Amino acid sequence: MLEDRKAAILSAVVEQYIETALPVGSGRVASSTDLDVSSATIRNELVHLEEQGYLIQPHTSAGRVPTEKAYRFFVDGLDKPGLLKADDQEQVKAFFNRSYTELEEMLGDTSTLLADITGSASVVLAPDRDHQEVRSVQVVGLGPDLALLVMVMANGAVEKHALDLTGDACDASEATLAVAGAHLSGALIGHRLSSVPESAETGDKGVDSVIATAISVLEERGLELDQIYVGGTARVASAFGEVERVQQVLNVLERQFVVVSLVRDLIDRGLSVAIGAETGLEPLADCSIVVAPYEIEGEAAGSIGILGPTRMNYPQALATVAVVGRRLGQRLSQG
């Protein structure tokens, strides 16, 4: 804990550094706070804050720069995420008033929206595929030995899976596929895919073979990685000065499993912000991540987040993920 004067001075340093990216001196702190103290007093407090690990001084004659400890103090001191600017609120409102026929398109565009508002790279984790019930099932023939399993989920998401029907007992005739589709509809519609039903025997080898193939595909689907949408990767280059660091951050964003695991770990730990070393990944040592879960019909379904330098605008970032996450959940709940 810091006494009030030190806390006010530290917050002023963090805010000024976020805004300018330049070391902050006592004069700038004095002009940006309501503290009725002299510049000499502020200089002394800056020295104490440096000794306590909140600030560093790049050069003897330079001002101070916040450390991870300072950013954590600043973030923990925020009473609430804050409010989006009026223009950003209108942008979010207009975005979610659009019509989308594909869930994938909306989630991809949501990642772009986050990046546009915050100027940072963004990630959107798609809803858990087992969260929504199956609304319809259809098996469509594509050729002598190939069919397509098409499922529409309650939130409008469409899943398509190819069925390889090259086995001896397989039959890709229109009649067989229609019967198989009817049986699969009876087993899946109104249910979630967290537990795939066992293959039902109909007595028709061709139909049973199609059903077994579809069930096998759905079981394998459950092992697939969660879908993630990344936006604003071009902004990474402008956020970090070193080419090597830019490449490291981009490499992390390209590794889907790593990003999904990181975001879920933060949510599970009850964190909305991870700063530098708190991410647990060395390539992200100069980065901060701000995340928020979103709900569908009152149940946790997915997550969104932004990734930028530790010198990010935390109030804006927290406000953005909070508002966009809430609106995304509302839109998906509507179907």
C-alpha atoms as a PDB file:
ATOM      1  CA  MET A   1       0.000   0.000   0.000  1.00  0.00           C
ATOM      2  CA  LEU A   2       1.148   3.529  -0.787  1.00  0.00           C
ATOM      3  CA  GLU A   3       0.191   6.682   1.053  1.00  0.00           C
ATOM      4  CA  ASP A   4      -2.186   8.939  -0.846  1.00  0.00           C
ATOM      5  CA  ARG A   5       0.431  11.402  -2.099  1.00  0.00           C
ATOM      6  CA  LYS A   6       2.725   8.701  -3.461  1.00  0.00           C
ATOM      7  CA  ALA A   7      -0.249   6.917  -5.034  1.00  0.00           C
ATOM      8  CA  ALA A   8      -1.400  10.105  -6.783  1.00  0.00           C
ATOM      9  CA  ILE A   9       2.102  10.820  -8.070  1.00  0.00           C
ATOM     10  CA  LEU A  10       2.576   7.242  -9.303  1.00  0.00           C
ATOM     11  CA  SER A  11      -0.779   7.266 -11.085  1.00  0.00           C
ATOM     12  CA  ALA A  12       0.154  10.550 -12.738  1.00  0.00           C
ATOM     13  CA  VAL A  13       3.441   9.094 -13.972  1.00  0.00           C
ATOM     14  CA  VAL A  14       1.699   6.028 -15.406  1.00  0.00           C
ATOM     15  CA  GLU A  15      -0.986   8.116 -17.131  1.00  0.00           C
ATOM     16  CA  GLN A  16       1.554  10.506 -18.619  1.00  0.00           C
ATOM     17  CA  TYR A  17       3.803   7.711 -19.826  1.00  0.00           C
ATOM     18  CA  ILE A  18       0.875   5.877 -21.421  1.00  0.00           C
ATOM     19  CA  GLU A  19      -0.026   9.078 -23.262  1.00  0.00           C
ATOM     20  CA  THR A  20       3.439  10.175 -24.391  1.00  0.00           C
ATOM     21  CA  ALA A  21       5.774   7.133 -24.196  1.00  0.00           C
ATOM     22  CA  LEU A  22       8.369   9.552 -22.792  1.00  0.00           C
ATOM     23  CA  PRO A  23      10.040   9.468 -19.359  1.00  0.00           C
ATOM     24  CA  VAL A  24       8.027  11.596 -16.945  1.00  0.00           C
ATOM     25  CA  GLY A  25       9.670  14.349 -14.891  1.00  0.00           C
ATOM     26  CA  SER A  26       8.531  16.117 -11.737  1.00  0.00           C
ATOM     27  CA  GLY A  27       7.390  19.204 -13.654  1.00  0.00           C
ATOM     28  CA  ARG A  28       4.959  17.212 -15.786  1.00  0.00           C
ATOM     29  CA  VAL A  29       3.631  15.444 -12.682  1.00  0.00           C
ATOM     30  CA  ALA A  30       3.103  18.783 -10.942  1.00  0.00           C
ATOM     31  CA  SER A  31       1.132  20.157 -13.898  1.00  0.00           C
ATOM     32  CA  SER A  32      -1.048  17.051 -14.234  1.00  0.00           C
ATOM     33  CA  THR A  33      -2.149  16.652 -10.601  1.00  0.00           C
ATOM     34  CA  ASP A  34      -4.031  18.702  -8.034  1.00  0.00           C
ATOM     35  CA  LEU A  35      -1.380  18.091  -5.389  1.00  0.00           C
ATOM     36  CA  ASP A  36      -0.464  21.266  -3.550  1.00  0.00           C
ATOM     37  CA  VAL A  37       3.212  20.372  -3.216  1.00  0.00           C
ATOM     38  CA  SER A  38       6.437  21.686  -4.712  1.00  0.00           C
ATOM     39  CA  SER A  39       8.380  20.117  -7.561  1.00  0.00           C
ATOM     40  CA  ALA A  40      11.133  19.367  -5.049  1.00  0.00           C
ATOM     41  CA  THR A  41       8.716  17.309  -2.955  1.00  0.00           C
ATOM     42  CA  ILE A  42       7.550  15.455  -6.058  1.00  0.00           C
ATOM     43  CA  ARG A  43      11.173  14.734  -6.992  1.00  0.00           C
ATOM     44  CA  ASN A  44      11.768  13.242  -3.558  1.00  0.00           C
ATOM     45  CA  GLU A  45       8.668  11.065  -3.869  1.00  0.00           C
ATOM     46  CA  LEU A  46       9.796   9.904  -7.305  1.00  0.00           C
ATOM     47  CA  VAL A  47      13.085   8.792  -5.767  1.00  0.00           C
ATOM     48  CA  HIS A  48      11.223   6.842  -3.088  1.00  0.00           C
ATOM     49  CA  LEU A  49       8.973   5.214  -5.676  1.00  0.00           C
ATOM     50  CA  GLU A  50      12.033   4.223  -7.668  1.00  0.00           C
ATOM     51  CA  GLU A  51      13.568   2.672  -4.554  1.00  0.00           C
ATOM     52  CA  GLN A  52      10.350   0.711  -4.007  1.00  0.00           C
ATOM     53  CA  GLY A  53      10.495  -0.737  -7.514  1.00  0.00           C
ATOM     54  CA  TYR A  54       7.625   1.202  -9.066  1.00  0.00           C
ATOM     55  CA  LEU A  55       9.739   3.375 -11.351  1.00  0.00           C
ATOM     56  CA  ILE A  56      13.030   3.288 -13.205  1.00  0.00           C
ATOM     57  CA  GLN A  57      15.144   6.143 -14.526  1.00  0.00           C
ATOM     58  CA  PRO A  58      16.644   5.371 -17.959  1.00  0.00           C
ATOM     59  CA  HIS A  59      19.276   8.113 -17.594  1.00  0.00           C
ATOM     60  CA  THR A  60      20.447  10.240 -14.683  1.00  0.00           C
ATOM     61  CA  SER A  61      18.953  13.404 -16.116  1.00  0.00           C
ATOM     62  CA  ALA A  62      15.825  11.745 -17.516  1.00  0.00           C
ATOM     63  CA  GLY A  63      12.395  11.396 -15.985  1.00  0.00           C
ATOM     64  CA  ARG A  64      10.935   8.134 -14.719  1.00  0.00           C
ATOM     65  CA  VAL A  65       9.331   5.179 -16.498  1.00  0.00           C
ATOM     66  CA  PRO A  66       6.763   2.841 -14.868  1.00  0.00           C
ATOM     67  CA  THR A  67       7.670  -0.782 -14.124  1.00  0.00           C
ATOM     68  CA  GLU A  68       5.305  -3.765 -14.236  1.00  0.00           C
ATOM     69  CA  LYS A  69       4.745  -3.203 -10.526  1.00  0.00           C
ATOM     70  CA  ALA A  70       3.546   0.338 -11.275  1.00  0.00           C
ATOM     71  CA  TYR A  71       1.167  -0.811 -13.999  1.00  0.00           C
ATOM     72  CA  ARG A  72      -0.255  -3.452 -11.663  1.00  0.00           C
ATOM     73  CA  PHE A  73      -0.780  -0.826  -8.953  1.00  0.00           C
ATOM     74  CA  PHE A  74      -2.470   1.435 -11.507  1.00  0.00           C
ATOM     75  CA  VAL A  75      -4.774  -1.288 -12.849  1.00  0.00           C
ATOM     76  CA  ASP A  76      -5.728  -2.525  -9.388  1.00  0.00           C
ATOM     77  CA  GLY A  77      -6.614   1.041  -8.451  1.00  0.00           C
ATOM     78  CA  LEU A  78      -9.155   1.448 -11.240  1.00  0.00           C
ATOM     79  CA  ASP A  79     -12.627   1.475  -9.685  1.00  0.00           C
ATOM     80  CA  LYS A  80     -14.330   0.199 -12.832  1.00  0.00           C
ATOM     81  CA  PRO A  81     -13.543  -0.324 -16.514  1.00  0.00           C
ATOM     82  CA  GLY A  82     -14.636   3.188 -17.432  1.00  0.00           C
ATOM     83  CA  LEU A  83     -16.749   4.389 -20.318  1.00  0.00           C
ATOM     84  CA  LEU A  84     -16.130   4.196 -24.033  1.00  0.00           C
ATOM     85  CA  LYS A  85     -15.899   7.429 -25.957  1.00  0.00           C
ATOM     86  CA  ALA A  86     -19.125   8.448 -27.666  1.00  0.00           C
ATOM     87  CA  ASP A  87     -17.710   7.657 -31.123  1.00  0.00           C
ATOM     88  CA  ASP A  88     -16.586   4.203 -29.994  1.00  0.00           C
ATOM     89  CA  GLN A  89     -19.991   3.518 -28.436  1.00  0.00           C
ATOM     90  CA  GLU A  90     -21.672   4.382 -31.737  1.00  0.00           C
ATOM     91  CA  GLN A  91     -19.232   2.141 -33.610  1.00  0.00           C
ATOM     92  CA  VAL A  92     -20.024  -0.803 -31.320  1.00  0.00           C
ATOM     93  CA  LYS A  93     -23.764  -0.162 -31.562  1.00  0.00           C
ATOM     94  CA  ALA A  94     -23.686   0.011 -35.352  1.00  0.00           C
ATOM     95  CA  PHE A  95     -21.573  -3.137 -35.554  1.00  0.00           C
ATOM     96  CA  PHE A  96     -23.963  -5.304 -33.558  1.00  0.00           C
ATOM     97  CA  ASN A  97     -26.979  -3.934 -35.425  1.00  0.00           C
ATOM     98  CA  ARG A  98     -25.676  -5.472 -38.646  1.00  0.00           C
ATOM     99  CA  SER A  99     -27.072  -8.681 -40.059  1.00  0.00           C
ATOM    100  CA  TYR A 100     -24.809 -11.724 -40.208  1.00  0.00           C
ATOM    101  CA  THR A 101     -25.599 -15.038 -41.864  1.00  0.00           C
ATOM    102  CA  GLU A 102     -22.444 -16.788 -40.634  1.00  0.00           C
ATOM    103  CA  LEU A 103     -21.268 -16.901 -37.041  1.00  0.00           C
ATOM    104  CA  GLU A 104     -17.662 -17.159 -38.243  1.00  0.00           C
ATOM    105  CA  GLU A 105     -17.988 -13.878 -40.137  1.00  0.00           C
ATOM    106  CA  MET A 106     -19.350 -12.041 -37.103  1.00  0.00           C
ATOM    107  CA  LEU A 107     -16.610 -13.339 -34.788  1.00  0.00           C
ATOM    108  CA  GLY A 108     -13.906 -12.439 -37.287  1.00  0.00           C
ATOM    109  CA  ASP A 109     -15.340  -8.948 -37.650  1.00  0.00           C
ATOM    110  CA  THR A 110     -15.557  -8.643 -33.854  1.00  0.00           C
ATOM    111  CA  SER A 111     -11.803  -9.163 -33.615  1.00  0.00           C
ATOM    112  CA  THR A 112     -11.339  -6.378 -36.172  1.00  0.00           C
ATOM    113  CA  LEU A 113     -13.684  -4.121 -34.188  1.00  0.00           C
ATOM    114  CA  LEU A 114     -11.630  -4.636 -31.014  1.00  0.00           C
ATOM    115  CA  ALA A 115      -8.410  -3.868 -32.877  1.00  0.00           C
ATOM    116  CA  ASP A 116      -9.847  -0.727 -34.488  1.00  0.00           C
ATOM    117  CA  ILE A 117     -11.048   0.738 -31.186  1.00  0.00           C
ATOM    118  CA  THR A 118      -7.977  -0.080 -29.086  1.00  0.00           C
ATOM    119  CA  GLY A 119      -5.201   0.039 -31.682  1.00  0.00           C
ATOM    120  CA  SER A 120      -3.961  -3.329 -30.410  1.00  0.00           C
ATOM    121  CA  ALA A 121      -3.982  -6.901 -31.629  1.00  0.00           C
ATOM    122  CA  SER A 122      -7.147  -8.721 -30.583  1.00  0.00           C
ATOM    123  CA  VAL A 123      -8.427 -12.255 -30.091  1.00  0.00           C
ATOM    124  CA  VAL A 124     -11.919 -13.708 -30.018  1.00  0.00           C
ATOM    125  CA  LEU A 125     -12.473 -17.273 -28.818  1.00  0.00           C
ATOM    126  CA  ALA A 126     -15.538 -18.766 -30.458  1.00  0.00           C
ATOM    127  CA  PRO A 127     -18.307 -20.102 -28.209  1.00  0.00           C
ATOM    128  CA  ASP A 128     -17.783 -23.587 -26.879  1.00  0.00           C
ATOM    129  CA  ARG A 129     -19.229 -25.770 -29.622  1.00  0.00           C
ATOM    130  CA  ASP A 130     -20.943 -27.906 -27.010  1.00  0.00           C
ATOM    131  CA  HIS A 131     -22.642 -24.903 -25.460  1.00  0.00           C
ATOM    132  CA  GLN A 132     -25.396 -24.703 -28.056  1.00  0.00           C
ATOM    133  CA  GLU A 133     -28.006 -27.285 -28.902  1.00  0.00           C
ATOM    134  CA  VAL A 134     -28.356 -28.765 -32.385  1.00  0.00           C
ATOM    135  CA  ARG A 135     -31.222 -27.207 -34.331  1.00  0.00           C
ATOM    136  CA  SER A 136     -31.126 -29.237 -37.545  1.00  0.00           C
ATOM    137  CA  VAL A 137     -29.157 -32.052 -39.192  1.00  0.00           C
ATOM    138  CA  GLN A 138     -28.828 -32.947 -42.840  1.00  0.00           C
ATOM    139  CA  VAL A 139     -26.689 -35.429 -44.786  1.00  0.00           C
ATOM    140  CA  VAL A 140     -26.044 -34.365 -48.372  1.00  0.00           C
ATOM    141  CA  GLY A 141     -24.445 -36.510 -51.065  1.00  0.00           C
ATOM    142  CA  LEU A 142     -21.435 -35.029 -52.841  1.00  0.00           C
ATOM    143  CA  GLY A 143     -20.394 -38.014 -54.939  1.00  0.00           C
ATOM    144  CA  PRO A 144     -20.328 -41.830 -55.120  1.00  0.00           C
ATOM    145  CA  ASP A 145     -18.234 -42.145 -51.947  1.00  0.00           C
ATOM    146  CA  LEU A 146     -18.580 -38.743 -50.274  1.00  0.00           C
ATOM    147  CA  ALA A 147     -21.273 -36.972 -48.267  1.00  0.00           C
ATOM    148  CA  LEU A 148     -21.510 -33.837 -46.165  1.00  0.00           C
ATOM    149  CA  LEU A 149     -22.917 -33.717 -42.632  1.00  0.00           C
ATOM    150  CA  VAL A 150     -24.452 -30.278 -42.054  1.00  0.00           C
ATOM    151  CA  MET A 151     -25.575 -29.191 -38.578  1.00  0.00           C
ATOM    152  CA  VAL A 152     -27.124 -25.859 -37.643  1.00  0.00           C
ATOM    153  CA  MET A 153     -26.704 -24.896 -33.985  1.00  0.00           C
ATOM    154  CA  ALA A 154     -29.171 -22.910 -31.890  1.00  0.00           C
ATOM    155  CA  ASN A 155     -27.044 -19.751 -32.150  1.00  0.00           C
ATOM    156  CA  GLY A 156     -27.007 -19.931 -35.948  1.00  0.00           C
ATOM    157  CA  ALA A 157     -23.547 -21.470 -36.271  1.00  0.00           C
ATOM    158  CA  VAL A 158     -23.216 -23.962 -39.113  1.00  0.00           C
ATOM    159  CA  GLU A 159     -20.952 -26.982 -38.838  1.00  0.00           C
ATOM    160  CA  LYS A 160     -19.991 -28.945 -41.937  1.00  0.00           C
ATOM    161  CA  HIS A 161     -18.133 -32.259 -41.876  1.00  0.00           C
ATOM    162  CA  ALA A 162     -17.130 -34.418 -44.835  1.00  0.00           C
ATOM    163  CA  LEU A 163     -18.066 -38.104 -44.588  1.00  0.00           C
ATOM    164  CA  ASP A 164     -15.829 -40.593 -46.364  1.00  0.00           C
ATOM    165  CA  LEU A 165     -18.095 -43.460 -47.487  1.00  0.00           C
ATOM    166  CA  THR A 166     -15.563 -45.694 -49.224  1.00  0.00           C
ATOM    167  CA  GLY A 167     -16.086 -48.775 -46.988  1.00  0.00           C
ATOM    168  CA  ASP A 168     -17.586 -51.985 -48.346  1.00  0.00           C
ATOM    169  CA  ALA A 169     -20.864 -51.517 -46.486  1.00  0.00           C
ATOM    170  CA  CYS A 170     -21.175 -47.804 -47.258  1.00  0.00           C
ATOM    171  CA  ASP A 171     -23.949 -46.553 -49.500  1.00  0.00           C
ATOM    172  CA  ALA A 172     -24.063 -42.945 -50.649  1.00  0.00           C
ATOM    173  CA  SER A 173     -27.363 -43.223 -52.470  1.00  0.00           C
ATOM    174  CA  GLU A 174     -29.864 -40.431 -51.952  1.00  0.00           C
ATOM    175  CA  ALA A 175     -32.340 -42.731 -50.235  1.00  0.00           C
ATOM    176  CA  THR A 176     -29.759 -44.123 -47.799  1.00  0.00           C
ATOM    177  CA  LEU A 177     -28.457 -40.682 -46.903  1.00  0.00           C
ATOM    178  CA  ALA A 178     -32.015 -39.438 -46.302  1.00  0.00           C
ATOM    179  CA  VAL A 179     -32.750 -42.284 -43.876  1.00  0.00           C
ATOM    180  CA  ALA A 180     -29.396 -41.855 -42.127  1.00  0.00           C
ATOM    181  CA  GLY A 181     -30.025 -38.124 -41.818  1.00  0.00           C
ATOM    182  CA  ALA A 182     -33.429 -38.763 -40.264  1.00  0.00           C
ATOM    183  CA  HIS A 183     -31.923 -41.077 -37.626  1.00  0.00           C
ATOM    184  CA  LEU A 184     -29.128 -38.616 -36.862  1.00  0.00           C
ATOM    185  CA  SER A 185     -31.700 -35.821 -36.547  1.00  0.00           C
ATOM    186  CA  GLY A 186     -33.623 -37.839 -33.993  1.00  0.00           C
ATOM    187  CA  ALA A 187     -30.472 -38.469 -31.980  1.00  0.00           C
ATOM    188  CA  LEU A 188     -28.957 -34.969 -32.127  1.00  0.00           C
ATOM    189  CA  ILE A 189     -31.654 -32.297 -32.464  1.00  0.00           C
ATOM    190  CA  GLY A 190     -32.354 -30.588 -29.153  1.00  0.00           C
ATOM    191  CA  HIS A 191     -29.180 -31.953 -27.614  1.00  0.00           C
ATOM    192  CA  ARG A 192     -25.659 -30.643 -27.126  1.00  0.00           C
ATOM    193  CA  LEU A 193     -22.650 -32.339 -28.618  1.00  0.00           C
ATOM    194  CA  SER A 194     -20.808 -32.781 -25.320  1.00  0.00           C
ATOM    195  CA  SER A 195     -21.749 -36.434 -25.460  1.00  0.00           C
ATOM    196  CA  VAL A 196     -22.077 -37.954 -28.912  1.00  0.00           C
ATOM    197  CA  PRO A 197     -24.743 -40.708 -28.959  1.00  0.00           C
ATOM    198  CA  GLU A 198     -23.774 -44.264 -29.671  1.00  0.00           C
ATOM    199  CA  SER A 199     -24.301 -45.562 -33.170  1.00  0.00           C
ATOM    200  CA  ALA A 200     -27.853 -46.892 -33.439  1.00  0.00           C
ATOM    201  CA  GLU A 201     -28.508 -50.096 -35.352  1.00  0.00           C
ATOM    202  CA  THR A 202     -31.284 -49.809 -37.940  1.00  0.00           C
ATOM    203  CA  GLY A 203     -30.820 -53.186 -39.592  1.00  0.00           C
ATOM    204  CA  ASP A 204     -29.831 -51.563 -42.881  1.00  0.00           C
ATOM    205  CA  LYS A 205     -26.069 -51.968 -43.359  1.00  0.00           C
ATOM    206  CA  GLY A 206     -25.783 -48.989 -45.662  1.00  0.00           C
ATOM    207  CA  VAL A 207     -27.658 -46.661 -43.310  1.00  0.00           C
ATOM    208  CA  ASP A 208     -25.809 -47.980 -40.256  1.00  0.00           C
ATOM    209  CA  SER A 209     -22.478 -47.418 -41.993  1.00  0.00           C
ATOM    210  CA  VAL A 210     -23.329 -43.766 -42.771  1.00  0.00           C
ATOM    211  CA  ILE A 211     -24.487 -43.205 -39.178  1.00  0.00           C
ATOM    212  CA  ALA A 212     -21.354 -44.818 -37.744  1.00  0.00           C
ATOM    213  CA  THR A 213     -19.152 -42.684 -39.989  1.00  0.00           C
ATOM    214  CA  ALA A 214     -20.955 -39.506 -38.897  1.00  0.00           C
ATOM    215  CA  ILE A 215     -20.677 -40.410 -35.208  1.00  0.00           C
ATOM    216  CA  SER A 216     -16.975 -41.139 -35.620  1.00  0.00           C
ATOM    217  CA  VAL A 217     -16.430 -37.742 -37.258  1.00  0.00           C
ATOM    218  CA  LEU A 218     -18.277 -35.989 -34.425  1.00  0.00           C
ATOM    219  CA  GLU A 219     -16.184 -37.784 -31.824  1.00  0.00           C
ATOM    220  CA  GLU A 220     -12.991 -36.660 -33.575  1.00  0.00           C
ATOM    221  CA  ARG A 221     -14.393 -33.141 -33.824  1.00  0.00           C
ATOM    222  CA  GLY A 222     -14.565 -33.003 -30.033  1.00  0.00           C
ATOM    223  CA  LEU A 223     -10.774 -33.264 -29.931  1.00  0.00           C
ATOM    224  CA  GLU A 224     -10.202 -30.320 -32.254  1.00  0.00           C
ATOM    225  CA  LEU A 225      -8.818 -27.012 -30.995  1.00  0.00           C
ATOM    226  CA  ASP A 226     -11.224 -24.210 -30.204  1.00  0.00           C
ATOM    227  CA  GLN A 227     -11.632 -21.761 -33.035  1.00  0.00           C
ATOM    228  CA  ILE A 228      -9.939 -18.430 -32.460  1.00  0.00           C
ATOM    229  CA  TYR A 229     -10.065 -15.224 -34.494  1.00  0.00           C
ATOM    230  CA  VAL A 230      -7.125 -12.821 -34.389  1.00  0.00           C
ATOM    231  CA  GLY A 231      -7.354  -9.214 -35.574  1.00  0.00           C
ATOM    232  CA  GLY A 232      -5.043  -6.247 -35.802  1.00  0.00           C
ATOM    233  CA  THR A 233      -1.785  -8.149 -36.177  1.00  0.00           C
ATOM    234  CA  ALA A 234      -0.481  -5.340 -38.393  1.00  0.00           C
ATOM    235  CA  ARG A 235      -0.639  -3.057 -35.353  1.00  0.00           C
ATOM    236  CA  VAL A 236       1.962  -5.130 -33.518  1.00  0.00           C
ATOM    237  CA  ALA A 237       4.759  -3.634 -35.613  1.00  0.00           C
ATOM    238  CA  SER A 238       3.908  -0.083 -34.557  1.00  0.00           C
ATOM    239  CA  ALA A 239       3.495  -1.028 -30.898  1.00  0.00           C
ATOM    240  CA  PHE A 240       6.983  -2.443 -30.394  1.00  0.00           C
ATOM    241  CA  GLY A 241      10.237  -0.880 -31.530  1.00  0.00           C
ATOM    242  CA  GLU A 242      12.428  -3.975 -31.808  1.00  0.00           C
ATOM    243  CA  VAL A 243      11.952  -6.129 -34.880  1.00  0.00           C
ATOM    244  CA  GLU A 244      12.840  -9.236 -32.894  1.00  0.00           C
ATOM    245  CA  ARG A 245      10.144  -8.525 -30.303  1.00  0.00           C
ATOM    246  CA  VAL A 246       7.574  -7.889 -33.032  1.00  0.00           C
ATOM    247  CA  GLN A 247       8.381 -11.274 -34.581  1.00  0.00           C
ATOM    248  CA  GLN A 248       8.145 -13.021 -31.217  1.00  0.00           C
ATOM    249  CA  VAL A 249       4.712 -11.547 -30.510  1.00  0.00           C
ATOM    250  CA  LEU A 250       3.463 -12.437 -33.995  1.00  0.00           C
ATOM    251  CA  ASN A 251       4.740 -15.999 -33.567  1.00  0.00           C
ATOM    252  CA  VAL A 252       2.703 -16.342 -30.368  1.00  0.00           C
ATOM    253  CA  LEU A 253      -0.440 -15.020 -32.073  1.00  0.00           C
ATOM    254  CA  GLU A 254       0.008 -17.577 -34.858  1.00  0.00           C
ATOM    255  CA  ARG A 255       0.059 -20.471 -32.372  1.00  0.00           C
ATOM    256  CA  GLN A 256      -3.629 -21.036 -31.768  1.00  0.00           C
ATOM    257  CA  PHE A 257      -3.243 -23.531 -28.933  1.00  0.00           C
ATOM    258  CA  VAL A 258      -0.939 -21.171 -27.009  1.00  0.00           C
ATOM    259  CA  VAL A 259      -3.325 -18.214 -27.316  1.00  0.00           C
ATOM    260  CA  VAL A 260      -6.380 -20.267 -26.313  1.00  0.00           C
ATOM    261  CA  SER A 261      -4.538 -21.716 -23.316  1.00  0.00           C
ATOM    262  CA  LEU A 262      -3.297 -18.282 -22.248  1.00  0.00           C
ATOM    263  CA  VAL A 263      -6.701 -16.598 -22.416  1.00  0.00           C
ATOM    264  CA  ARG A 264      -8.439 -19.470 -20.634  1.00  0.00           C
ATOM    265  CA  ASP A 265      -5.763 -19.553 -17.946  1.00  0.00           C
ATOM    266  CA  LEU A 266      -6.269 -15.858 -17.216  1.00  0.00           C
ATOM    267  CA  ILE A 267     -10.045 -16.286 -17.038  1.00  0.00           C
ATOM    268  CA  ASP A 268      -9.687 -19.327 -14.767  1.00  0.00           C
ATOM    269  CA  ARG A 269      -7.350 -17.364 -12.473  1.00  0.00           C
ATOM    270  CA  GLY A 270      -9.940 -14.615 -12.206  1.00  0.00           C
ATOM    271  CA  LEU A 271      -7.701 -12.098 -13.959  1.00  0.00           C
ATOM    272  CA  SER A 272      -8.892  -9.473 -16.415  1.00  0.00           C
ATOM    273  CA  VAL A 273      -5.394  -8.070 -16.992  1.00  0.00           C
ATOM    274  CA  ALA A 274      -2.013  -9.823 -17.226  1.00  0.00           C
ATOM    275  CA  ILE A 275       1.029  -7.551 -17.338  1.00  0.00           C
ATOM    276  CA  GLY A 276       4.441  -8.588 -18.667  1.00  0.00           C
ATOM    277  CA  ALA A 277       5.758 -11.595 -16.749  1.00  0.00           C
ATOM    278  CA  GLU A 278       2.231 -12.333 -15.472  1.00  0.00           C
ATOM    279  CA  THR A 279       1.431 -13.813 -18.893  1.00  0.00           C
ATOM    280  CA  GLY A 280       3.916 -16.607 -18.207  1.00  0.00           C
ATOM    281  CA  LEU A 281       5.355 -16.323 -21.721  1.00  0.00           C
ATOM    282  CA  GLU A 282       8.804 -14.775 -22.252  1.00  0.00           C
ATOM    283  CA  PRO A 283       7.974 -13.483 -25.774  1.00  0.00           C
ATOM    284  CA  LEU A 284       5.200 -11.445 -24.151  1.00  0.00           C
ATOM    285  CA  ALA A 285       7.457  -9.929 -21.484  1.00  0.00           C
ATOM    286  CA  ASP A 286       6.780  -6.434 -22.853  1.00  0.00           C
ATOM    287  CA  CYS A 287       3.073  -7.051 -23.413  1.00  0.00           C
ATOM    288  CA  SER A 288      -0.152  -6.823 -21.483  1.00  0.00           C
ATOM    289  CA  ILE A 289      -3.333  -8.765 -22.166  1.00  0.00           C
ATOM    290  CA  VAL A 290      -6.816  -7.601 -21.232  1.00  0.00           C
ATOM    291  CA  VAL A 291      -9.522 -10.278 -21.403  1.00  0.00           C
ATOM    292  CA  ALA A 292     -13.214 -10.669 -20.673  1.00  0.00           C
ATOM    293  CA  PRO A 293     -15.557 -13.655 -20.912  1.00  0.00           C
ATOM    294  CA  TYR A 294     -18.891 -13.428 -22.660  1.00  0.00           C
ATOM    295  CA  GLU A 295     -22.064 -15.343 -21.919  1.00  0.00           C
ATOM    296  CA  ILE A 296     -24.790 -16.902 -24.004  1.00  0.00           C
ATOM    297  CA  GLU A 297     -28.135 -17.129 -22.246  1.00  0.00           C
ATOM    298  CA  GLY A 298     -26.446 -16.561 -18.902  1.00  0.00           C
ATOM    299  CA  GLU A 299     -23.787 -19.258 -19.313  1.00  0.00           C
ATOM    300  CA  ALA A 300     -20.068 -18.706 -19.939  1.00  0.00           C
ATOM    301  CA  ALA A 301     -19.413 -19.446 -23.604  1.00  0.00           C
ATOM    302  CA  GLY A 302     -16.227 -17.792 -24.878  1.00  0.00           C
ATOM    303  CA  SER A 303     -13.745 -14.985 -24.321  1.00  0.00           C
ATOM    304  CA  ILE A 304     -12.379 -11.894 -26.031  1.00  0.00           C
ATOM    305  CA  GLY A 305      -9.179  -9.986 -25.408  1.00  0.00           C
ATOM    306  CA  ILE A 306      -6.619  -7.522 -26.665  1.00  0.00           C
ATOM    307  CA  LEU A 307      -2.832  -7.728 -26.615  1.00  0.00           C
ATOM    308  CA  GLY A 308      -0.593  -4.691 -26.667  1.00  0.00           C
ATOM    309  CA  PRO A 309       2.470  -3.148 -25.025  1.00  0.00           C
ATOM    310  CA  THR A 310       2.532  -2.764 -21.243  1.00  0.00           C
ATOM    311  CA  ARG A 311       2.144   0.956 -21.998  1.00  0.00           C
ATOM    312  CA  MET A 312      -1.441   0.430 -23.144  1.00  0.00           C
ATOM    313  CA  ASN A 313      -4.438   2.547 -22.246  1.00  0.00           C
ATOM    314  CA  TYR A 314      -5.838   0.235 -19.573  1.00  0.00           C
ATOM    315  CA  PRO A 315      -9.061   2.139 -18.805  1.00  0.00           C
ATOM    316  CA  GLN A 316      -9.964   2.160 -22.503  1.00  0.00           C
ATOM    317  CA  ALA A 317      -8.944  -1.475 -22.971  1.00  0.00           C
ATOM    318  CA  LEU A 318     -11.011  -2.661 -20.008  1.00  0.00           C
ATOM    319  CA  ALA A 319     -14.002  -0.615 -21.132  1.00  0.00           C
ATOM    320  CA  THR A 320     -13.769  -1.952 -24.684  1.00  0.00           C
ATOM    321  CA  VAL A 321     -13.598  -5.652 -23.813  1.00  0.00           C
ATOM    322  CA  ALA A 322     -16.366  -5.223 -21.239  1.00  0.00           C
ATOM    323  CA  VAL A 323     -18.762  -3.515 -23.655  1.00  0.00           C
ATOM    324  CA  VAL A 324     -17.950  -5.628 -26.712  1.00  0.00           C
ATOM    325  CA  GLY A 325     -18.052  -8.847 -24.673  1.00  0.00           C
ATOM    326  CA  ARG A 326     -21.460  -7.976 -23.261  1.00  0.00           C
ATOM    327  CA  ARG A 327     -22.880  -6.987 -26.645  1.00  0.00           C
ATOM    328  CA  LEU A 328     -21.458 -10.079 -28.320  1.00  0.00           C
ATOM    329  CA  GLY A 329     -23.077 -12.310 -25.705  1.00  0.00           C
ATOM    330  CA  GLN A 330     -26.409 -10.543 -26.127  1.00  0.00           C
ATOM    331  CA  ARG A 331     -26.256 -10.924 -29.909  1.00  0.00           C
ATOM    332  CA  LEU A 332     -25.420 -14.634 -29.703  1.00  0.00           C
ATOM    333  CA  SER A 333     -28.175 -15.215 -27.148  1.00  0.00           C
ATOM    334  CA  GLN A 334     -30.675 -13.777 -29.610  1.00  0.00           C
ATOM    335  CA  GLY A 335     -29.610 -16.362 -32.202  1.00  0.00           C
END
